[in-house]
PDB file of N, CA and C in Angstrom:
ATOM      1  N   MET A   1     124.083 146.229 132.097  1.00  0.00           N
ATOM      2  CA  MET A   1     123.066 145.627 131.328  1.00  0.00           C
ATOM      3  C   MET A   1     123.728 144.967 130.158  1.00  0.00           C
ATOM      4  N   GLY A   2     124.377 145.389 129.184  1.00  0.00           N
ATOM      5  CA  GLY A   2     124.543 144.891 127.714  1.00  0.00           C
ATOM      6  C   GLY A   2     125.049 143.341 127.792  1.00  0.00           C
ATOM      7  N   ALA A   3     125.562 142.967 128.850  1.00  0.00           N
ATOM      8  CA  ALA A   3     125.984 141.501 129.103  1.00  0.00           C
ATOM      9  C   ALA A   3     124.722 140.608 129.327  1.00  0.00           C
ATOM     10  N   ALA A   4     123.996 141.512 129.849  1.00  0.00           N
ATOM     11  CA  ALA A   4     122.934 140.759 130.317  1.00  0.00           C
ATOM     12  C   ALA A   4     121.864 140.292 129.400  1.00  0.00           C
ATOM     13  N   LEU A   5     121.954 141.356 128.273  1.00  0.00           N
ATOM     14  CA  LEU A   5     120.644 141.644 127.195  1.00  0.00           C
ATOM     15  C   LEU A   5     121.482 140.760 126.182  1.00  0.00           C
ATOM     16  N   ILE A   6     122.884 140.560 126.164  1.00  0.00           N
ATOM     17  CA  ILE A   6     123.518 139.729 125.031  1.00  0.00           C
ATOM     18  C   ILE A   6     123.264 138.179 125.533  1.00  0.00           C
ATOM     19  N   GLY A   7     122.978 138.011 127.109  1.00  0.00           N
ATOM     20  CA  GLY A   7     122.994 136.544 127.607  1.00  0.00           C
ATOM     21  C   GLY A   7     121.586 136.124 127.366  1.00  0.00           C
ATOM     22  N   ALA A   8     120.472 137.049 127.560  1.00  0.00           N
ATOM     23  CA  ALA A   8     119.083 136.790 127.567  1.00  0.00           C
ATOM     24  C   ALA A   8     118.801 136.769 125.895  1.00  0.00           C
ATOM     25  N   CYS A   9     119.701 137.345 124.981  1.00  0.00           N
ATOM     26  CA  CYS A   9     119.453 136.851 123.340  1.00  0.00           C
ATOM     27  C   CYS A   9     119.651 135.445 123.504  1.00  0.00           C
ATOM     28  N   ILE A  10     121.454 135.114 123.921  1.00  0.00           N
ATOM     29  CA  ILE A  10     121.491 133.758 123.916  1.00  0.00           C
ATOM     30  C   ILE A  10     120.537 133.038 124.042  1.00  0.00           C
ATOM     31  N   ALA A  11     120.343 133.078 125.640  1.00  0.00           N
ATOM     32  CA  ALA A  11     119.729 132.058 126.009  1.00  0.00           C
ATOM     33  C   ALA A  11     118.020 131.911 125.076  1.00  0.00           C
ATOM     34  N   LEU A  12     117.306 132.981 124.590  1.00  0.00           N
ATOM     35  CA  LEU A  12     116.224 132.913 124.229  1.00  0.00           C
ATOM     36  C   LEU A  12     116.740 131.981 122.465  1.00  0.00           C
ATOM     37  N   GLY A  13     117.275 132.337 122.076  1.00  0.00           N
ATOM     38  CA  GLY A  13     118.018 131.775 121.036  1.00  0.00           C
ATOM     39  C   GLY A  13     118.085 130.187 121.069  1.00  0.00           C
ATOM     40  N   LEU A  14     118.547 129.802 122.145  1.00  0.00           N
ATOM     41  CA  LEU A  14     119.083 128.325 122.335  1.00  0.00           C
ATOM     42  C   LEU A  14     117.509 127.775 122.917  1.00  0.00           C
ATOM     43  N   GLY A  15     116.903 128.618 123.633  1.00  0.00           N
ATOM     44  CA  GLY A  15     115.468 128.296 124.051  1.00  0.00           C
ATOM     45  C   GLY A  15     114.565 127.731 122.837  1.00  0.00           C
ATOM     46  N   ILE A  16     114.659 128.625 121.641  1.00  0.00           N
ATOM     47  CA  ILE A  16     113.792 128.238 120.493  1.00  0.00           C
ATOM     48  C   ILE A  16     114.331 127.222 119.936  1.00  0.00           C
ATOM     49  N   VAL A  17     115.534 127.182 119.925  1.00  0.00           N
ATOM     50  CA  VAL A  17     116.173 125.976 118.809  1.00  0.00           C
ATOM     51  C   VAL A  17     115.957 124.527 119.872  1.00  0.00           C
ATOM     52  N   VAL A  18     115.958 124.428 121.279  1.00  0.00           N
ATOM     53  CA  VAL A  18     115.822 123.335 121.512  1.00  0.00           C
ATOM     54  C   VAL A  18     114.346 123.148 121.609  1.00  0.00           C
ATOM     55  N   GLY A  19     113.713 124.051 121.840  1.00  0.00           N
ATOM     56  CA  GLY A  19     112.020 123.655 121.771  1.00  0.00           C
ATOM     57  C   GLY A  19     111.413 123.157 120.589  1.00  0.00           C
ATOM     58  N   ASN A  20     111.931 123.926 119.322  1.00  0.00           N
ATOM     59  CA  ASN A  20     112.140 123.383 117.962  1.00  0.00           C
ATOM     60  C   ASN A  20     112.358 121.799 117.822  1.00  0.00           C
ATOM     61  N   ALA A  21     113.498 121.434 118.331  1.00  0.00           N
ATOM     62  CA  ALA A  21     113.924 119.832 118.632  1.00  0.00           C
ATOM     63  C   ALA A  21     113.082 119.457 119.406  1.00  0.00           C
ATOM     64  N   GLY A  22     112.161 119.420 120.480  1.00  0.00           N
ATOM     65  CA  GLY A  22     111.399 118.677 121.689  1.00  0.00           C
ATOM     66  C   GLY A  22     110.265 118.351 120.680  1.00  0.00           C
ATOM     67  N   ALA A  23     109.938 119.575 119.916  1.00  0.00           N
ATOM     68  CA  ALA A  23     108.552 119.253 119.198  1.00  0.00           C
ATOM     69  C   ALA A  23     108.786 118.447 118.028  1.00  0.00           C
ATOM     70  N   LYS A  24     109.945 118.433 117.167  1.00  0.00           N
ATOM     71  CA  LYS A  24     110.112 117.548 116.165  1.00  0.00           C
ATOM     72  C   LYS A  24     110.521 116.039 116.533  1.00  0.00           C
ATOM     73  N   ALA A  25     110.829 115.958 117.801  1.00  0.00           N
ATOM     74  CA  ALA A  25     111.567 114.735 118.524  1.00  0.00           C
ATOM     75  C   ALA A  25     109.446 113.951 118.842  1.00  0.00           C
ATOM     76  N   LYS A  26     108.850 115.266 119.775  1.00  0.00           N
ATOM     77  CA  LYS A  26     107.435 114.413 120.015  1.00  0.00           C
ATOM     78  C   LYS A  26     107.018 114.164 118.601  1.00  0.00           C
ATOM     79  N   ARG A  27     106.713 114.651 117.602  1.00  0.00           N
ATOM     80  CA  ARG A  27     105.972 114.562 116.458  1.00  0.00           C
ATOM     81  C   ARG A  27     106.593 113.447 115.639  1.00  0.00           C
ATOM     82  N   ALA A  28     108.172 112.919 115.590  1.00  0.00           N
ATOM     83  CA  ALA A  28     108.636 111.559 115.266  1.00  0.00           C
ATOM     84  C   ALA A  28     108.079 110.672 115.968  1.00  0.00           C
ATOM     85  N   ARG A  29     107.881 110.668 117.320  1.00  0.00           N
ATOM     86  CA  ARG A  29     107.990 109.580 118.144  1.00  0.00           C
ATOM     87  C   ARG A  29     106.590 109.084 117.968  1.00  0.00           C
ATOM     88  N   LEU A  30     105.588 110.207 117.836  1.00  0.00           N
ATOM     89  CA  LEU A  30     104.203 110.115 117.419  1.00  0.00           C
ATOM     90  C   LEU A  30     103.670 109.135 116.108  1.00  0.00           C
ATOM     91  N   ASP A  31     104.894 109.561 115.197  1.00  0.00           N
ATOM     92  CA  ASP A  31     104.579 109.112 114.066  1.00  0.00           C
ATOM     93  C   ASP A  31     104.986 107.361 113.845  1.00  0.00           C
ATOM     94  N   TYR A  32     106.170 107.369 114.546  1.00  0.00           N
ATOM     95  CA  TYR A  32     106.499 105.809 114.651  1.00  0.00           C
ATOM     96  C   TYR A  32     105.746 105.122 116.042  1.00  0.00           C
ATOM     97  N   VAL A  33     105.048 105.677 116.511  1.00  0.00           N
ATOM     98  CA  VAL A  33     104.208 104.625 117.054  1.00  0.00           C
ATOM     99  C   VAL A  33     102.833 104.298 116.413  1.00  0.00           C
ATOM    100  N   ARG A  34     102.454 104.976 115.493  1.00  0.00           N
ATOM    101  CA  ARG A  34     101.394 104.611 114.856  1.00  0.00           C
ATOM    102  C   ARG A  34     101.881 104.241 113.383  1.00  0.00           C
ATOM    103  N   THR A  35     102.733 104.387 113.045  1.00  0.00           N
ATOM    104  CA  THR A  35     103.314 103.199 111.984  1.00  0.00           C
ATOM    105  C   THR A  35     103.568 102.006 112.480  1.00  0.00           C
ATOM    106  N   LYS A  36     104.736 101.907 113.419  1.00  0.00           N
ATOM    107  CA  LYS A  36     104.228 100.313 114.181  1.00  0.00           C
ATOM    108  C   LYS A  36     103.283  99.689 114.582  1.00  0.00           C
ATOM    109  N   ALA A  37     102.039 100.448 114.903  1.00  0.00           N
ATOM    110  CA  ALA A  37     100.697 100.064 115.252  1.00  0.00           C
ATOM    111  C   ALA A  37     100.027  99.481 113.941  1.00  0.00           C
ATOM    112  N   LEU A  38     100.639 100.169 112.758  1.00  0.00           N
ATOM    113  CA  LEU A  38      99.922  99.986 111.569  1.00  0.00           C
ATOM    114  C   LEU A  38     100.571  98.370 110.902  1.00  0.00           C
ATOM    115  N   VAL A  39     101.690  98.134 111.078  1.00  0.00           N
ATOM    116  CA  VAL A  39     102.753  97.166 110.600  1.00  0.00           C
ATOM    117  C   VAL A  39     101.817  96.166 110.586  1.00  0.00           C
ATOM    118  N   PRO A  40     101.446  94.827 111.349  1.00  0.00           N
ATOM    119  CA  PRO A  40     101.163  93.740 111.774  1.00  0.00           C
ATOM    120  C   PRO A  40      99.878  93.710 110.503  1.00  0.00           C
ATOM    121  N   SER A  41      98.776  94.752 110.397  1.00  0.00           N
ATOM    122  CA  SER A  41      97.478  94.484 109.669  1.00  0.00           C
ATOM    123  C   SER A  41      97.976  94.670 108.193  1.00  0.00           C
ATOM    124  N   ALA A  42      99.484  95.637 107.743  1.00  0.00           N
ATOM    125  CA  ALA A  42     100.075  95.622 106.693  1.00  0.00           C
ATOM    126  C   ALA A  42     100.371  94.519 106.451  1.00  0.00           C
ATOM    127  N   ARG A  43     101.257  93.584 107.000  1.00  0.00           N
ATOM    128  CA  ARG A  43     102.017  92.486 106.945  1.00  0.00           C
ATOM    129  C   ARG A  43     100.829  91.440 106.655  1.00  0.00           C
ATOM    130  N   LYS A  44      99.902  91.503 107.182  1.00  0.00           N
ATOM    131  CA  LYS A  44      98.713  90.269 107.328  1.00  0.00           C
ATOM    132  C   LYS A  44      98.177  90.443 106.095  1.00  0.00           C
ATOM    133  N   ASN A  45      97.838  91.836 105.760  1.00  0.00           N
ATOM    134  CA  ASN A  45      96.754  91.859 104.252  1.00  0.00           C
ATOM    135  C   ASN A  45      97.390  91.539 103.070  1.00  0.00           C
ATOM    136  N   ALA A  46      99.312  91.907 103.460  1.00  0.00           N
ATOM    137  CA  ALA A  46     100.572  91.398 102.250  1.00  0.00           C
ATOM    138  C   ALA A  46     100.398  89.930 101.886  1.00  0.00           C
ATOM    139  N   VAL A  47     100.595  89.171 103.376  1.00  0.00           N
ATOM    140  CA  VAL A  47     100.374  87.861 102.952  1.00  0.00           C
ATOM    141  C   VAL A  47      99.169  87.272 102.364  1.00  0.00           C
ATOM    142  N   ALA A  48      97.874  87.940 102.957  1.00  0.00           N
ATOM    143  CA  ALA A  48      96.831  87.573 102.288  1.00  0.00           C
ATOM    144  C   ALA A  48      96.692  87.691 100.585  1.00  0.00           C
ATOM    145  N   GLU A  49      97.257  88.737 100.023  1.00  0.00           N
ATOM    146  CA  GLU A  49      97.247  88.990  98.860  1.00  0.00           C
ATOM    147  C   GLU A  49      98.068  88.411  98.269  1.00  0.00           C
ATOM    148  N   GLY A  50      99.258  87.774  99.037  1.00  0.00           N
ATOM    149  CA  GLY A  50     100.107  87.141  97.861  1.00  0.00           C
ATOM    150  C   GLY A  50      99.503  85.594  97.809  1.00  0.00           C
ATOM    151  N   LEU A  51      98.973  85.038  98.880  1.00  0.00           N
ATOM    152  CA  LEU A  51      98.423  83.664  99.138  1.00  0.00           C
ATOM    153  C   LEU A  51      97.137  83.301  97.780  1.00  0.00           C
ATOM    154  N   LYS A  52      96.860  84.680  97.610  1.00  0.00           N
ATOM    155  CA  LYS A  52      95.562  84.934  96.681  1.00  0.00           C
ATOM    156  C   LYS A  52      96.081  84.855  95.121  1.00  0.00           C
ATOM    157  N   GLY A  53      97.402  85.511  95.039  1.00  0.00           N
ATOM    158  CA  GLY A  53      97.965  85.459  93.612  1.00  0.00           C
ATOM    159  C   GLY A  53      98.206  83.980  93.691  1.00  0.00           C
ATOM    160  N   LEU A  54      98.830  83.090  94.268  1.00  0.00           N
ATOM    161  CA  LEU A  54      99.735  81.937  94.282  1.00  0.00           C
ATOM    162  C   LEU A  54      98.343  81.127  94.049  1.00  0.00           C
ATOM    163  N   ARG A  55      97.090  81.574  94.415  1.00  0.00           N
ATOM    164  CA  ARG A  55      95.770  80.533  94.175  1.00  0.00           C
ATOM    165  C   ARG A  55      95.886  80.628  93.077  1.00  0.00           C
ATOM    166  N   ILE A  56      95.775  82.230  92.223  1.00  0.00           N
ATOM    167  CA  ILE A  56      94.965  81.836  91.288  1.00  0.00           C
ATOM    168  C   ILE A  56      96.020  81.580  89.966  1.00  0.00           C
ATOM    169  N   ILE A  57      97.218  81.586  90.692  1.00  0.00           N
ATOM    170  CA  ILE A  57      98.280  81.199  89.521  1.00  0.00           C
ATOM    171  C   ILE A  57      98.059  79.273  89.414  1.00  0.00           C
ATOM    172  N   ALA A  58      98.284  78.948  90.686  1.00  0.00           N
ATOM    173  CA  ALA A  58      98.239  77.373  90.368  1.00  0.00           C
ATOM    174  C   ALA A  58      96.561  77.046  90.025  1.00  0.00           C
ATOM    175  N   THR A  59      95.801  77.707  90.105  1.00  0.00           N
ATOM    176  CA  THR A  59      94.590  77.322  89.316  1.00  0.00           C
ATOM    177  C   THR A  59      94.478  77.323  87.887  1.00  0.00           C
ATOM    178  N   CYS A  60      95.400  78.133  87.292  1.00  0.00           N
ATOM    179  CA  CYS A  60      95.978  78.761  85.566  1.00  0.00           C
ATOM    180  C   CYS A  60      96.662  77.445  85.655  1.00  0.00           C
ATOM    181  N   ALA A  61      97.524  76.968  86.210  1.00  0.00           N
ATOM    182  CA  ALA A  61      98.462  75.869  85.961  1.00  0.00           C
ATOM    183  C   ALA A  61      97.675  74.906  85.670  1.00  0.00           C
ATOM    184  N   ALA A  62      96.675  74.547  86.619  1.00  0.00           N
ATOM    185  CA  ALA A  62      95.844  73.171  86.857  1.00  0.00           C
ATOM    186  C   ALA A  62      95.162  73.020  85.499  1.00  0.00           C
ATOM    187  N   VAL A  63      94.741  74.411  85.254  1.00  0.00           N
ATOM    188  CA  VAL A  63      93.842  73.982  84.321  1.00  0.00           C
ATOM    189  C   VAL A  63      94.348  73.942  82.411  1.00  0.00           C
ATOM    190  N   LEU A  64      95.518  74.356  82.745  1.00  0.00           N
ATOM    191  CA  LEU A  64      96.406  74.698  81.623  1.00  0.00           C
ATOM    192  C   LEU A  64      97.117  72.846  81.581  1.00  0.00           C
ATOM    193  N   ILE A  65      97.543  72.152  82.363  1.00  0.00           N
ATOM    194  CA  ILE A  65      97.760  71.036  82.099  1.00  0.00           C
ATOM    195  C   ILE A  65      96.744  70.080  82.005  1.00  0.00           C
ATOM    196  N   ALA A  66      95.433  70.379  82.817  1.00  0.00           N
ATOM    197  CA  ALA A  66      94.515  69.070  82.393  1.00  0.00           C
ATOM    198  C   ALA A  66      94.097  69.899  80.841  1.00  0.00           C
ATOM    199  N   LEU A  67      94.302  70.743  80.471  1.00  0.00           N
ATOM    200  CA  LEU A  67      93.911  71.025  78.645  1.00  0.00           C
ATOM    201  C   LEU A  67      94.898  70.240  77.984  1.00  0.00           C
ATOM    202  N   GLY A  68      96.365  70.287  78.588  1.00  0.00           N
ATOM    203  CA  GLY A  68      97.350  69.443  77.708  1.00  0.00           C
ATOM    204  C   GLY A  68      96.973  68.273  77.826  1.00  0.00           C
ATOM    205  N   LEU A  69      96.833  67.638  79.008  1.00  0.00           N
ATOM    206  CA  LEU A  69      96.740  66.213  78.965  1.00  0.00           C
ATOM    207  C   LEU A  69      95.357  65.901  78.003  1.00  0.00           C
ATOM    208  N   ALA A  70      93.941  66.437  77.855  1.00  0.00           N
ATOM    209  CA  ALA A  70      93.113  66.456  77.290  1.00  0.00           C
ATOM    210  C   ALA A  70      93.163  65.955  75.953  1.00  0.00           C
ATOM    211  N   MET A  71      94.189  67.515  75.550  1.00  0.00           N
ATOM    212  CA  MET A  71      94.682  67.263  73.748  1.00  0.00           C
ATOM    213  C   MET A  71      95.316  66.216  73.635  1.00  0.00           C
ATOM    214  N   ASN A  72      96.161  65.767  74.490  1.00  0.00           N
ATOM    215  CA  ASN A  72      96.899  64.450  74.122  1.00  0.00           C
ATOM    216  C   ASN A  72      96.301  63.133  74.174  1.00  0.00           C
ATOM    217  N   VAL A  73      94.845  63.237  75.298  1.00  0.00           N
ATOM    218  CA  VAL A  73      94.489  61.942  74.849  1.00  0.00           C
ATOM    219  C   VAL A  73      93.202  62.097  73.588  1.00  0.00           C
ATOM    220  N   ILE A  74      92.851  63.269  73.141  1.00  0.00           N
ATOM    221  CA  ILE A  74      92.319  63.352  71.802  1.00  0.00           C
ATOM    222  C   ILE A  74      93.392  63.158  70.539  1.00  0.00           C
ATOM    223  N   GLY A  75      94.173  63.143  71.020  1.00  0.00           N
ATOM    224  CA  GLY A  75      95.663  63.464  69.580  1.00  0.00           C
ATOM    225  C   GLY A  75      95.472  62.057  69.453  1.00  0.00           C
ATOM    226  N   GLN A  76      95.476  61.317  70.702  1.00  0.00           N
ATOM    227  CA  GLN A  76      95.883  59.818  70.148  1.00  0.00           C
ATOM    228  C   GLN A  76      94.513  58.453  69.760  1.00  0.00           C
ATOM    229  N   ARG A  77      93.704  59.436  69.812  1.00  0.00           N
ATOM    230  CA  ARG A  77      92.361  58.643  68.942  1.00  0.00           C
ATOM    231  C   ARG A  77      92.771  58.744  68.013  1.00  0.00           C
TER     232      ARG A  77
END
């Protein structure tokens, strides 16, 4: 009877450990699937924001170059 009780306690302990590991694996898989679904939209937003920033930089550079050329023309008169 003592050996059966010890075996039952070991089986119970292993069952708890394996059950917790299975639950962690299911949660990790669910997190992975959710994150993977968000990546394309996040990448699209990042590219759009980067292009918006480049557009602002290009506009500022064009304005500064135009002002520089205008000042050069005014200075030559």
